[in-house]
C-alpha atoms as a PDB file:
ATOM      1  CA  MET A   1     -32.920  -9.275   7.262  1.00  0.00           C
ATOM      2  CA  PRO A   2     -34.607  -6.276   5.607  1.00  0.00           C
ATOM      3  CA  ARG A   3     -34.126  -5.693   1.895  1.00  0.00           C
ATOM      4  CA  THR A   4     -32.875  -2.352   0.600  1.00  0.00           C
ATOM      5  CA  ASP A   5     -36.301  -1.807  -1.021  1.00  0.00           C
ATOM      6  CA  ASP A   6     -37.777  -1.781   2.493  1.00  0.00           C
ATOM      7  CA  LEU A   7     -35.506   1.096   3.575  1.00  0.00           C
ATOM      8  CA  PRO A   8     -36.537   4.136   1.483  1.00  0.00           C
ATOM      9  CA  GLN A   9     -35.059   6.662   3.947  1.00  0.00           C
ATOM     10  CA  LEU A  10     -31.654   5.050   3.744  1.00  0.00           C
ATOM     11  CA  ALA A  11     -31.796   4.859  -0.057  1.00  0.00           C
ATOM     12  CA  GLU A  12     -32.789   8.530  -0.259  1.00  0.00           C
ATOM     13  CA  PHE A  13     -30.020   9.504   2.163  1.00  0.00           C
ATOM     14  CA  ALA A  14     -27.420   7.599   0.103  1.00  0.00           C
ATOM     15  CA  ALA A  15     -28.476   9.533  -2.999  1.00  0.00           C
ATOM     16  CA  GLU A  16     -27.914  12.912  -1.290  1.00  0.00           C
ATOM     17  CA  VAL A  17     -24.686  14.785  -1.937  1.00  0.00           C
ATOM     18  CA  PRO A  18     -22.460  14.725   1.169  1.00  0.00           C
ATOM     19  CA  LYS A  19     -21.893  17.955   3.054  1.00  0.00           C
ATOM     20  CA  ARG A  20     -18.231  17.475   4.023  1.00  0.00           C
ATOM     21  CA  ARG A  21     -15.395  17.952   1.527  1.00  0.00           C
ATOM     22  CA  ILE A  22     -13.972  14.453   1.898  1.00  0.00           C
ATOM     23  CA  GLY A  23     -17.459  13.052   1.413  1.00  0.00           C
ATOM     24  CA  LEU A  24     -17.855  15.121  -1.735  1.00  0.00           C
ATOM     25  CA  ILE A  25     -14.512  13.944  -3.063  1.00  0.00           C
ATOM     26  CA  ARG A  26     -15.431  10.334  -2.230  1.00  0.00           C
ATOM     27  CA  HIS A  27     -18.806  10.837  -3.965  1.00  0.00           C
ATOM     28  CA  LEU A  28     -17.095  12.313  -7.044  1.00  0.00           C
ATOM     29  CA  TRP A  29     -14.173   9.863  -6.990  1.00  0.00           C
ATOM     30  CA  PRO A  30     -15.223   7.876 -10.096  1.00  0.00           C
ATOM     31  CA  SER A  31     -15.298  11.088 -12.162  1.00  0.00           C
ATOM     32  CA  ILE A  32     -12.057  12.402 -10.627  1.00  0.00           C
ATOM     33  CA  ARG A  33     -10.333   9.048 -11.235  1.00  0.00           C
ATOM     34  CA  ALA A  34     -11.543   9.069 -14.847  1.00  0.00           C
ATOM     35  CA  CYS A  35     -10.021  12.529 -15.365  1.00  0.00           C
ATOM     36  CA  LEU A  36      -6.706  11.468 -13.783  1.00  0.00           C
ATOM     37  CA  ASP A  37      -6.652   8.225 -15.797  1.00  0.00           C
ATOM     38  CA  ALA A  38      -7.229  10.292 -18.953  1.00  0.00           C
ATOM     39  CA  GLY A  39      -4.011  12.159 -18.189  1.00  0.00           C
ATOM     40  CA  HIS A  40      -5.241  15.349 -16.553  1.00  0.00           C
ATOM     41  CA  SER A  41      -3.293  16.720 -13.633  1.00  0.00           C
ATOM     42  CA  VAL A  42      -4.576  17.073 -10.083  1.00  0.00           C
ATOM     43  CA  ARG A  43      -4.149  20.841 -10.450  1.00  0.00           C
ATOM     44  CA  ALA A  44      -6.421  20.831 -13.547  1.00  0.00           C
ATOM     45  CA  VAL A  45      -9.031  18.717 -11.731  1.00  0.00           C
ATOM     46  CA  GLN A  46      -8.927  21.132  -8.802  1.00  0.00           C
ATOM     47  CA  ALA A  47      -9.423  24.082 -11.185  1.00  0.00           C
ATOM     48  CA  ARG A  48     -12.499  22.374 -12.712  1.00  0.00           C
ATOM     49  CA  LEU A  49     -13.908  21.596  -9.269  1.00  0.00           C
ATOM     50  CA  ASN A  50     -13.398  25.253  -8.247  1.00  0.00           C
ATOM     51  CA  ALA A  51     -15.109  26.384 -11.484  1.00  0.00           C
ATOM     52  CA  ASP A  52     -18.085  24.182 -10.558  1.00  0.00           C
ATOM     53  CA  GLY A  53     -18.296  25.926  -7.189  1.00  0.00           C
ATOM     54  CA  LEU A  54     -16.566  23.253  -5.088  1.00  0.00           C
ATOM     55  CA  SER A  55     -13.646  25.019  -3.360  1.00  0.00           C
ATOM     56  CA  ILE A  56     -11.142  22.381  -2.255  1.00  0.00           C
ATOM     57  CA  PRO A  57      -7.529  23.257  -1.394  1.00  0.00           C
ATOM     58  CA  TYR A  58      -4.943  21.529  -3.555  1.00  0.00           C
ATOM     59  CA  SER A  59      -3.277  19.840  -0.590  1.00  0.00           C
ATOM     60  CA  THR A  60      -6.609  18.449   0.618  1.00  0.00           C
ATOM     61  CA  LEU A  61      -7.430  17.131  -2.850  1.00  0.00           C
ATOM     62  CA  CYS A  62      -3.991  15.492  -3.143  1.00  0.00           C
ATOM     63  CA  TRP A  63      -4.380  13.886   0.291  1.00  0.00           C
ATOM     64  CA  ALA A  64      -7.880  12.620  -0.539  1.00  0.00           C
ATOM     65  CA  ILE A  65      -6.795  11.208  -3.920  1.00  0.00           C
ATOM     66  CA  ALA A  66      -3.855   9.396  -2.320  1.00  0.00           C
ATOM     67  CA  SER A  67      -6.125   7.999   0.372  1.00  0.00           C
ATOM     68  CA  LEU A  68      -8.729   6.839  -2.117  1.00  0.00           C
ATOM     69  CA  ARG A  69      -6.119   5.269  -4.388  1.00  0.00           C
ATOM     70  CA  LYS A  70      -4.581   3.453  -1.444  1.00  0.00           C
ATOM     71  CA  SER A  71      -7.906   2.042  -0.252  1.00  0.00           C
ATOM     72  CA  GLY A  72      -8.875   0.932  -3.737  1.00  0.00           C
ATOM     73  CA  PRO A  73     -12.345  -0.088  -4.842  1.00  0.00           C
ATOM     74  CA  ALA A  74     -14.423  -1.904  -2.253  1.00  0.00           C
ATOM     75  CA  ASN A  75     -15.125  -4.828  -4.594  1.00  0.00           C
ATOM     76  CA  GLU A  76     -11.400  -5.466  -5.149  1.00  0.00           C
ATOM     77  CA  ARG A  77     -10.543  -5.642  -1.458  1.00  0.00           C
ATOM     78  CA  THR A  78      -9.805  -9.100  -0.264  1.00  0.00           C
ATOM     79  CA  ALA A  79      -9.942 -10.614   3.168  1.00  0.00           C
ATOM     80  CA  PRO A  80      -6.598 -11.131   4.903  1.00  0.00           C
ATOM     81  CA  PRO A  81      -5.124 -14.595   4.418  1.00  0.00           C
ATOM     82  CA  LYS A  82      -6.037 -17.157   7.016  1.00  0.00           C
ATOM     83  CA  LEU A  83      -3.527 -18.707   9.368  1.00  0.00           C
ATOM     84  CA  GLY A  84      -1.495 -21.317   7.516  1.00  0.00           C
ATOM     85  CA  GLU A  85      -2.224 -19.925   4.041  1.00  0.00           C
ATOM     86  CA  ILE A  86       0.916 -17.779   3.906  1.00  0.00           C
ATOM     87  CA  ARG A  87       3.867 -19.781   2.761  1.00  0.00           C
ATOM     88  CA  MET A  88       7.227 -18.166   2.262  1.00  0.00           C
ATOM     89  CA  PRO A  89       9.365 -19.835  -0.416  1.00  0.00           C
ATOM     90  CA  LYS A  90      12.621 -21.152   0.954  1.00  0.00           C
ATOM     91  CA  SER A  91      15.287 -19.834  -1.354  1.00  0.00           C
ATOM     92  CA  ALA A  92      18.487 -17.860  -1.104  1.00  0.00           C
ATOM     93  CA  GLU A  93      16.643 -14.774  -2.387  1.00  0.00           C
ATOM     94  CA  ASN A  94      14.400 -14.742   0.689  1.00  0.00           C
ATOM     95  CA  ASP A  95      17.041 -15.636   3.275  1.00  0.00           C
ATOM     96  CA  PRO A  96      17.237 -12.756   5.745  1.00  0.00           C
ATOM     97  CA  LEU A  97      20.773 -13.819   6.735  1.00  0.00           C
ATOM     98  CA  ALA A  98      22.092 -14.210   3.164  1.00  0.00           C
ATOM     99  CA  ASN A  99      24.132 -11.005   3.431  1.00  0.00           C
ATOM    100  CA  LEU A 100      25.679 -12.180   6.712  1.00  0.00           C
ATOM    101  CA  HIS A 101      26.572 -15.605   5.259  1.00  0.00           C
ATOM    102  CA  ARG A 102      28.180 -13.939   2.226  1.00  0.00           C
ATOM    103  CA  ILE A 103      30.295 -11.645   4.418  1.00  0.00           C
ATOM    104  CA  ILE A 104      31.449 -14.483   6.686  1.00  0.00           C
ATOM    105  CA  GLN A 105      32.530 -16.657   3.755  1.00  0.00           C
ATOM    106  CA  SER A 106      34.637 -13.989   2.054  1.00  0.00           C
ATOM    107  CA  ARG A 107      36.166 -12.094   4.943  1.00  0.00           C
ATOM    108  CA  PRO A 108      39.608 -10.680   4.232  1.00  0.00           C
ATOM    109  CA  GLY A 109      42.509 -11.613   6.431  1.00  0.00           C
ATOM    110  CA  PHE A 110      42.908 -14.376   9.024  1.00  0.00           C
ATOM    111  CA  GLU A 111      40.005 -15.488  11.111  1.00  0.00           C
ATOM    112  CA  TYR A 112      40.117 -18.285  13.608  1.00  0.00           C
ATOM    113  CA  ASN A 113      36.712 -19.831  14.153  1.00  0.00           C
ATOM    114  CA  GLY A 114      37.869 -22.301  16.824  1.00  0.00           C
ATOM    115  CA  THR A 115      37.414 -25.502  14.832  1.00  0.00           C
ATOM    116  CA  MET A 116      41.041 -26.186  13.992  1.00  0.00           C
ATOM    117  CA  SER A 117      43.355 -28.124  16.244  1.00  0.00           C
ATOM    118  CA  ASP A 118      46.550 -26.477  17.500  1.00  0.00           C
ATOM    119  CA  GLU A 119      48.670 -28.637  15.182  1.00  0.00           C
ATOM    120  CA  GLU A 120      46.640 -27.611  12.148  1.00  0.00           C
ATOM    121  CA  LEU A 121      46.740 -24.015  13.273  1.00  0.00           C
ATOM    122  CA  PHE A 122      50.414 -23.655  14.330  1.00  0.00           C
ATOM    123  CA  GLY A 123      52.037 -26.641  12.666  1.00  0.00           C
ATOM    124  CA  LYS A 124      53.907 -29.509  14.299  1.00  0.00           C
ATOM    125  CA  LYS A 125      56.050 -28.771  17.371  1.00  0.00           C
END
């Protein structure tokens, strides 16, 4: 396995500024995120980028920021859980049929569920 020191072309290429807008936004993402975290608006960030000569439409910048926020930092991404690691707690809060059970228990009016005998249902003959 080659070390990164053995790949000077790749290291030089990684240091170059990308030519596409999304690549530029991704390259500048730490600075853009710092501005947004400091409380500046996306519109203000776009104005500063335009002043620096980087013309990016507002809608494109919003889309890119949402995409980058969703993906999160690469070092915080975790592998998906392995089979058998996911355990759902068994409680009434997580019961998908809890609403149905509640409705069945407190239904208004008469409901015959078929478990009563005729005598219990109609009385003695």
